[in-house]
Amino acid sequence: MTLDTKDALMTSRPSTRATPRATSAATGRATSDAARSRRSWLRTAITGICALAAVASMPAALAASWPDKPIRIIVPYAPGQGADVLARLLSQDLAKRLNQPIVVENRAGAGGNIGSAAAARAANDGYTFLLGTNATNAANEFLYANQGYDPTADFTGVAMIGLLPMVICTSAADLPANSVGELIQRARARPDTLNVGLPSTTAQVVFAEFVKSAQAPLFAVKYKASGQSLTDAMGGQIPLVIDTVTAARPHLASGKLRAVGITSLKASDMLPGVRPVSEQGVPGFDVVAWDALFAPRGTPTPIIRQMSEQIRLVLEQPEMRRKMLDIGVEPLVMPPAQLNAFVNDERQKWGGIIKAAGIRIE
């Protein structure tokens, strides 16, 4: 091959080496694209972080301005009933502390289910609460085929308000039993012959647990209201009745009825001198009604804490304690986490008793 031919071949061969100018341009474009990508990613990340921060700060912001309008407490019972009286008593002092009106709204029906369902569907913004009870938040799911709400999934506890012990009473003349121990002995000696008036579902639950725990074969007589059952007990038609302290107290004071035992675990200031069933041969016996405040699930935690704290301050006032005892409620302070655990335990207790005894709504 001649030198000319070799030069021609070398001249015609394409060059694979980029010029310095081309390399610099390509590198610049790549650097620019990478920078733009990083800036875009950074903007997206910052936007996301800001959005998350805004969402996270919403409850705190709401709590900081809460309450700035009237608060509603739904009572799932009729005006004048125990839960209604308690809600109105509590709301008076609570409104002063929160510097906002509190509206008590009665939504009665279906054993408390109608009002509770309405509260469950309410906005979870801290302006609607439920005055719940052992029925609405523990027992009803075992008594009704369809409550219309889920007491666990739809609500969160705010604060316990108080306990409502029941009392086992005897006719002073017809059954001279002065203690639970004597009552159990008489029941065993005469199985299923001692009638017990039961004016409520709660009374039926107390009765079922007492019969089981004390192994006392008593006979249940159901009533639709307290008035008739207490009248029959005082008149000698039935020897025993289980009712609320509020309903029975006037007749105990008059001497027409005698208290055998109170159903709370400990003695109550509402009935001084009356020993609990648990201290009279039935250890651990503790079946009481209760009232507590609940909020729709998702209500901001800071608001729940504020409301719980304000209720604690109200309940710790000596004058409020006196007023509550007068209407048959033993004040009890219990913060949200403890209340939620308590309600879960109560659901297990009440559900177990109801299912084992076959109690049904009639």
Protein backbone atom coordinates (compact mmCIF):
# COMPACT_ATOMS: atom_id res chain seq x y z
CA MET A 1 0.00 0.00 0.00
CA THR A 2 1.36 3.37 -1.00
CA LEU A 3 1.66 6.27 1.33
CA ASP A 4 -1.01 8.15 -0.63
CA THR A 5 -3.43 5.26 -0.28
CA LYS A 6 -2.78 5.01 3.45
CA ASP A 7 -3.40 8.75 3.85
CA ALA A 8 -6.61 8.48 1.87
CA LEU A 9 -7.91 5.69 4.10
CA MET A 10 -7.01 7.59 7.21
CA THR A 11 -8.74 10.68 5.85
CA SER A 12 -11.94 8.82 4.99
CA ARG A 13 -12.22 7.00 8.42
CA PRO A 14 -14.82 8.73 10.68
CA SER A 15 -13.44 10.27 13.81
CA THR A 16 -14.81 8.95 17.15
CA ARG A 17 -13.12 11.54 19.29
CA ALA A 18 -15.45 14.43 20.31
CA THR A 19 -14.14 17.89 20.02
CA PRO A 20 -13.55 19.76 23.27
CA ARG A 21 -16.40 22.16 22.39
CA ALA A 22 -18.94 19.33 21.84
CA THR A 23 -17.94 17.57 25.03
CA SER A 24 -18.32 20.76 27.02
CA ALA A 25 -21.79 21.42 25.57
CA ALA A 26 -23.04 17.90 26.32
CA THR A 27 -21.65 18.04 29.84
CA GLY A 28 -23.31 21.39 30.40
CA ARG A 29 -26.68 20.13 29.23
CA ALA A 30 -26.42 17.05 31.47
CA THR A 31 -25.43 19.19 34.44
CA SER A 32 -28.29 21.57 33.76
CA ASP A 33 -30.83 18.73 33.47
CA ALA A 34 -29.58 17.17 36.70
CA ALA A 35 -29.79 20.50 38.48
CA ARG A 36 -33.33 21.06 37.22
CA SER A 37 -34.29 17.55 38.34
CA ARG A 38 -32.83 18.13 41.78
CA ARG A 39 -34.61 21.47 42.09
CA SER A 40 -37.90 19.88 40.98
CA TRP A 41 -37.50 17.03 43.46
CA LEU A 42 -36.59 19.49 46.20
CA ARG A 43 -39.66 21.64 45.47
CA THR A 44 -41.89 18.55 45.54
CA ALA A 45 -40.35 17.36 48.81
CA ILE A 46 -40.70 20.78 50.43
CA THR A 47 -44.32 21.04 49.26
CA GLY A 48 -45.05 17.60 50.71
CA ILE A 49 -43.37 18.40 54.01
CA CYS A 50 -45.26 21.69 54.27
CA ALA A 51 -48.54 19.92 53.53
CA LEU A 52 -47.84 17.29 56.18
CA ALA A 53 -46.86 19.97 58.66
CA ALA A 54 -50.06 21.87 57.92
CA VAL A 55 -52.18 18.75 58.44
CA ALA A 56 -50.29 17.87 61.61
CA SER A 57 -50.76 21.37 62.99
CA MET A 58 -54.51 21.47 62.29
CA PRO A 59 -55.56 19.74 65.56
CA ALA A 60 -53.30 22.06 67.54
CA ALA A 61 -54.70 25.07 65.72
CA LEU A 62 -58.26 23.91 66.31
CA ALA A 63 -57.54 23.27 69.97
CA ALA A 64 -55.95 26.69 70.37
CA SER A 65 -59.15 28.44 69.27
CA TRP A 66 -61.57 25.87 70.70
CA PRO A 67 -64.28 26.51 71.62
CA ASP A 68 -65.32 29.51 69.55
CA LYS A 69 -69.00 28.60 69.19
CA PRO A 70 -71.70 26.74 71.19
CA ILE A 71 -71.12 23.08 72.06
CA ARG A 72 -73.81 20.42 71.72
CA ILE A 73 -74.23 17.46 74.06
CA ILE A 74 -76.63 14.84 72.73
CA VAL A 75 -78.55 13.00 75.45
CA PRO A 76 -80.10 9.84 73.98
CA TYR A 77 -82.96 9.84 76.50
CA ALA A 78 -86.09 11.85 77.17
CA PRO A 79 -86.10 15.13 79.13
CA GLY A 80 -86.30 14.59 82.86
CA GLN A 81 -84.64 11.18 82.90
CA GLY A 82 -81.48 10.68 84.94
CA ALA A 83 -78.99 11.17 82.10
CA ASP A 84 -80.76 14.36 81.02
CA VAL A 85 -80.77 15.80 84.55
CA LEU A 86 -77.05 15.02 84.90
CA ALA A 87 -76.17 16.53 81.51
CA ARG A 88 -77.94 19.79 82.32
CA LEU A 89 -76.36 19.97 85.77
CA LEU A 90 -72.87 19.38 84.34
CA SER A 91 -73.32 21.77 81.40
CA GLN A 92 -74.05 24.75 83.65
CA ASP A 93 -70.60 24.80 85.24
CA LEU A 94 -68.87 23.53 82.12
CA ALA A 95 -70.26 26.39 80.02
CA LYS A 96 -68.86 28.92 82.47
CA ARG A 97 -65.42 27.34 82.31
CA LEU A 98 -65.39 27.11 78.51
CA ASN A 99 -66.99 30.54 78.07
CA GLN A 100 -69.41 29.12 75.50
CA PRO A 101 -73.06 27.99 75.71
CA ILE A 102 -73.65 24.25 75.93
CA VAL A 103 -76.84 23.02 74.30
CA VAL A 104 -78.32 19.78 75.66
CA GLU A 105 -80.20 18.06 72.84
CA ASN A 106 -82.52 15.16 73.68
CA ARG A 107 -82.75 12.45 71.01
CA ALA A 108 -84.63 9.66 72.74
CA GLY A 109 -85.68 6.27 71.42
CA ALA A 110 -84.67 2.61 71.07
CA GLY A 111 -82.99 2.44 74.47
CA GLY A 112 -80.62 5.28 73.61
CA ASN A 113 -79.68 4.01 70.14
CA ILE A 114 -81.31 6.83 68.14
CA GLY A 115 -79.46 9.65 69.88
CA SER A 116 -76.20 7.72 69.95
CA ALA A 117 -76.39 7.06 66.21
CA ALA A 118 -76.96 10.77 65.60
CA ALA A 119 -73.88 11.61 67.66
CA ALA A 120 -71.83 9.00 65.79
CA ARG A 121 -72.70 10.69 62.47
CA ALA A 122 -71.92 14.21 63.75
CA ALA A 123 -68.86 16.15 62.63
CA ASN A 124 -65.77 15.28 64.65
CA ASP A 125 -64.79 18.91 65.12
CA GLY A 126 -65.11 19.06 68.90
CA TYR A 127 -68.54 20.69 68.97
CA THR A 128 -70.70 17.58 69.41
CA PHE A 129 -70.49 15.11 72.28
CA LEU A 130 -72.57 12.20 73.53
CA LEU A 131 -73.71 11.70 77.11
CA GLY A 132 -73.25 7.93 76.92
CA THR A 133 -74.19 5.25 79.42
CA ASN A 134 -73.54 1.63 80.24
CA ALA A 135 -76.50 0.89 77.93
CA THR A 136 -75.49 2.92 74.86
CA ASN A 137 -71.77 2.13 75.00
CA ALA A 138 -71.62 -1.32 76.57
CA ALA A 139 -74.86 -3.31 76.73
CA ASN A 140 -77.04 -2.37 73.76
CA GLU A 141 -74.92 -4.06 71.14
CA PHE A 142 -75.80 -7.36 72.85
CA LEU A 143 -79.50 -6.51 73.16
CA TYR A 144 -80.32 -5.12 69.72
CA ALA A 145 -79.81 -6.72 66.31
CA ASN A 146 -78.90 -3.35 64.80
CA GLN A 147 -77.88 -0.42 66.96
CA GLY A 148 -77.27 1.91 64.06
CA TYR A 149 -73.71 2.63 65.23
CA ASP A 150 -70.62 0.88 66.51
CA PRO A 151 -69.84 1.96 70.09
CA THR A 152 -66.17 1.08 69.69
CA ALA A 153 -65.42 2.26 66.14
CA ASP A 154 -67.61 5.38 66.20
CA PHE A 155 -66.69 6.90 69.57
CA THR A 156 -63.74 7.73 71.75
CA GLY A 157 -63.92 8.38 75.48
CA VAL A 158 -63.59 11.90 76.83
CA ALA A 159 -64.31 11.64 80.56
CA MET A 160 -66.15 9.51 83.05
CA ILE A 161 -68.79 11.48 84.91
CA GLY A 162 -70.14 9.14 87.54
CA LEU A 163 -71.40 5.77 88.71
CA LEU A 164 -75.01 4.87 89.48
CA PRO A 165 -75.09 1.94 91.90
CA MET A 166 -78.20 -0.18 92.23
CA VAL A 167 -79.59 -1.31 95.56
CA ILE A 168 -81.26 -4.56 96.57
CA CYS A 169 -84.25 -3.78 98.80
CA THR A 170 -86.65 -5.88 100.79
CA SER A 171 -90.10 -5.24 102.12
CA ALA A 172 -89.51 -4.47 105.78
CA ALA A 173 -92.47 -6.58 106.90
CA ASP A 174 -92.53 -9.49 104.46
CA LEU A 175 -88.87 -10.48 104.33
CA PRO A 176 -86.94 -9.87 107.55
CA ALA A 177 -83.51 -10.31 105.93
CA ASN A 178 -80.96 -7.81 107.18
CA SER A 179 -78.02 -8.86 105.02
CA VAL A 180 -77.12 -10.42 101.71
CA GLY A 181 -76.01 -13.54 103.57
CA GLU A 182 -79.46 -13.97 105.10
CA LEU A 183 -81.10 -13.35 101.73
CA ILE A 184 -78.96 -16.04 100.10
CA GLN A 185 -79.84 -18.53 102.84
CA ARG A 186 -83.57 -17.88 102.46
CA ALA A 187 -83.33 -18.19 98.66
CA ARG A 188 -81.56 -21.52 98.90
CA ALA A 189 -84.07 -22.77 101.44
CA ARG A 190 -86.99 -21.81 99.17
CA PRO A 191 -85.65 -22.03 95.58
CA ASP A 192 -87.37 -19.83 92.98
CA THR A 193 -90.07 -18.67 95.39
CA LEU A 194 -88.68 -15.28 96.37
CA ASN A 195 -89.80 -12.84 93.68
CA VAL A 196 -87.57 -9.90 92.74
CA GLY A 197 -88.99 -6.85 90.97
CA LEU A 198 -86.83 -5.71 88.04
CA PRO A 199 -87.91 -2.37 86.52
CA SER A 200 -85.10 -1.99 83.94
CA THR A 201 -82.64 -3.87 81.78
CA THR A 202 -79.87 -2.80 84.15
CA ALA A 203 -81.79 -4.34 87.04
CA GLN A 204 -82.11 -7.56 85.02
CA VAL A 205 -78.35 -7.64 84.48
CA VAL A 206 -77.67 -7.03 88.18
CA PHE A 207 -80.15 -9.79 89.08
CA ALA A 208 -78.65 -12.31 86.65
CA GLU A 209 -75.12 -11.72 87.92
CA PHE A 210 -76.23 -11.88 91.57
CA VAL A 211 -78.10 -15.16 91.09
CA LYS A 212 -75.09 -16.67 89.37
CA SER A 213 -72.38 -15.32 91.68
CA ALA A 214 -74.25 -15.90 94.94
CA GLN A 215 -75.87 -19.15 93.80
CA ALA A 216 -79.14 -17.74 95.06
CA PRO A 217 -82.17 -19.20 93.22
CA LEU A 218 -84.44 -16.12 93.11
CA PHE A 219 -87.32 -15.55 90.69
CA ALA A 220 -87.36 -12.55 88.33
CA VAL A 221 -90.50 -10.42 87.92
CA LYS A 222 -90.08 -7.82 85.18
CA TYR A 223 -91.65 -4.37 85.36
CA LYS A 224 -91.72 -1.54 82.83
CA ALA A 225 -90.95 1.20 85.37
CA SER A 226 -89.76 1.79 88.92
CA GLY A 227 -93.00 3.18 90.29
CA GLN A 228 -95.02 -0.02 90.07
CA SER A 229 -92.25 -2.34 91.23
CA LEU A 230 -91.53 -0.21 94.31
CA THR A 231 -95.24 0.08 95.09
CA ASP A 232 -95.65 -3.69 94.86
CA ALA A 233 -92.63 -4.23 97.10
CA MET A 234 -93.95 -1.84 99.74
CA GLY A 235 -97.43 -3.36 99.45
CA GLY A 236 -96.20 -6.90 99.96
CA GLN A 237 -96.93 -8.21 96.46
CA ILE A 238 -93.21 -8.95 95.98
CA PRO A 239 -90.61 -9.33 98.75
CA LEU A 240 -87.63 -7.88 96.87
CA VAL A 241 -86.82 -5.21 94.32
CA ILE A 242 -83.61 -4.06 92.59
CA ASP A 243 -83.57 -0.41 91.57
CA THR A 244 -81.47 2.74 91.43
CA VAL A 245 -80.50 4.49 94.63
CA THR A 246 -82.37 7.58 93.42
CA ALA A 247 -85.65 5.71 93.00
CA ALA A 248 -85.40 3.71 96.21
CA ARG A 249 -83.95 6.30 98.59
CA PRO A 250 -87.21 8.05 99.63
CA HIS A 251 -88.77 4.71 100.54
CA LEU A 252 -85.66 3.63 102.40
CA ALA A 253 -85.75 6.88 104.35
CA SER A 254 -89.42 6.33 105.24
CA GLY A 255 -88.73 2.82 106.51
CA LYS A 256 -91.11 1.16 104.04
CA LEU A 257 -88.18 -0.58 102.39
CA ARG A 258 -84.87 -1.79 103.78
CA ALA A 259 -81.58 -1.86 101.87
CA VAL A 260 -79.88 -5.26 101.92
CA GLY A 261 -76.85 -4.34 99.83
CA ILE A 262 -75.53 -1.90 97.26
CA THR A 263 -74.17 -3.26 93.98
CA SER A 264 -71.01 -1.13 93.69
CA LEU A 265 -67.67 -2.66 94.68
CA LYS A 266 -67.30 -0.17 97.52
CA ALA A 267 -69.72 1.56 99.86
CA SER A 268 -71.31 4.76 98.60
CA ASP A 269 -71.87 8.13 100.26
CA MET A 270 -75.37 8.02 98.78
CA LEU A 271 -76.40 5.27 101.20
CA PRO A 272 -74.30 5.61 104.35
CA GLY A 273 -74.21 2.43 106.38
CA VAL A 274 -75.33 0.14 103.56
CA ARG A 275 -72.67 -2.43 102.84
CA PRO A 276 -71.80 -3.50 99.29
CA VAL A 277 -72.80 -6.97 98.11
CA SER A 278 -69.09 -7.66 97.56
CA GLU A 279 -68.48 -7.42 101.32
CA GLN A 280 -71.34 -9.74 102.21
CA GLY A 281 -70.30 -13.11 100.89
CA VAL A 282 -70.14 -12.36 97.14
CA PRO A 283 -66.54 -11.17 96.66
CA GLY A 284 -65.82 -9.01 93.63
CA PHE A 285 -69.47 -8.29 92.88
CA ASP A 286 -69.59 -4.97 91.01
CA VAL A 287 -72.40 -4.21 88.57
CA VAL A 288 -73.33 -0.55 88.32
CA ALA A 289 -74.76 1.82 85.77
CA TRP A 290 -72.58 4.74 84.67
CA ASP A 291 -72.57 7.96 82.66
CA ALA A 292 -69.64 9.25 80.60
CA LEU A 293 -68.93 11.78 77.88
CA PHE A 294 -67.90 10.53 74.43
CA ALA A 295 -66.84 12.23 71.20
CA PRO A 296 -67.20 11.08 67.59
CA ARG A 297 -64.12 9.13 66.53
CA GLY A 298 -61.54 11.44 64.95
CA THR A 299 -62.20 14.41 67.20
CA PRO A 300 -58.81 16.14 67.67
CA THR A 301 -56.95 14.75 70.66
CA PRO A 302 -56.05 18.20 72.09
CA ILE A 303 -59.77 19.08 72.23
CA ILE A 304 -60.59 15.80 73.96
CA ARG A 305 -57.87 16.47 76.52
CA GLN A 306 -59.13 19.99 77.15
CA MET A 307 -62.72 18.87 77.61
CA SER A 308 -61.63 16.02 79.88
CA GLU A 309 -59.62 18.39 82.05
CA GLN A 310 -62.49 20.86 82.36
CA ILE A 311 -64.85 18.07 83.40
CA ARG A 312 -62.33 16.94 86.03
CA LEU A 313 -62.25 20.45 87.49
CA VAL A 314 -66.05 20.59 87.56
CA LEU A 315 -66.41 17.18 89.25
CA GLU A 316 -63.87 18.04 91.93
CA GLN A 317 -65.93 20.95 93.21
CA PRO A 318 -67.53 20.01 96.57
CA GLU A 319 -70.83 21.66 95.62
CA MET A 320 -71.01 19.70 92.36
CA ARG A 321 -70.31 16.47 94.23
CA ARG A 322 -73.16 17.22 96.62
CA LYS A 323 -75.57 17.95 93.79
CA MET A 324 -74.62 14.79 91.94
CA LEU A 325 -75.03 12.63 95.01
CA ASP A 326 -78.47 14.16 95.47
CA ILE A 327 -79.55 12.89 92.05
CA GLY A 328 -78.04 9.46 92.61
CA VAL A 329 -74.72 9.75 90.79
CA GLU A 330 -71.36 9.06 92.46
CA PRO A 331 -68.82 11.42 90.81
CA LEU A 332 -65.82 9.66 89.34
CA VAL A 333 -62.87 11.27 87.58
CA MET A 334 -61.42 9.16 84.78
CA PRO A 335 -59.28 10.51 81.88
CA PRO A 336 -59.73 9.42 78.24
CA ALA A 337 -57.29 6.49 78.06
CA GLN A 338 -58.53 5.02 81.34
CA LEU A 339 -62.15 5.50 80.28
CA ASN A 340 -61.61 3.70 76.97
CA ALA A 341 -60.06 0.74 78.82
CA PHE A 342 -62.91 0.78 81.35
CA VAL A 343 -65.57 0.77 78.62
CA ASN A 344 -63.89 -2.13 76.87
CA ASP A 345 -63.93 -4.13 80.11
CA GLU A 346 -67.57 -3.20 80.71
CA ARG A 347 -68.54 -4.39 77.22
CA GLN A 348 -67.01 -7.75 77.99
CA LYS A 349 -68.73 -7.92 81.38
CA TRP A 350 -72.19 -6.80 80.29
CA GLY A 351 -72.07 -8.80 77.07
CA GLY A 352 -71.13 -11.95 78.97
CA ILE A 353 -73.94 -11.55 81.52
CA ILE A 354 -76.56 -10.70 78.87
CA LYS A 355 -75.68 -13.64 76.64
CA ALA A 356 -75.41 -16.14 79.51
CA ALA A 357 -78.78 -15.05 80.99
CA GLY A 358 -80.50 -14.76 77.61
CA ILE A 359 -81.72 -11.23 78.35
CA ARG A 360 -83.74 -9.69 75.50
CA ILE A 361 -85.47 -6.38 74.86
CA GLU A 362 -89.24 -6.89 75.00
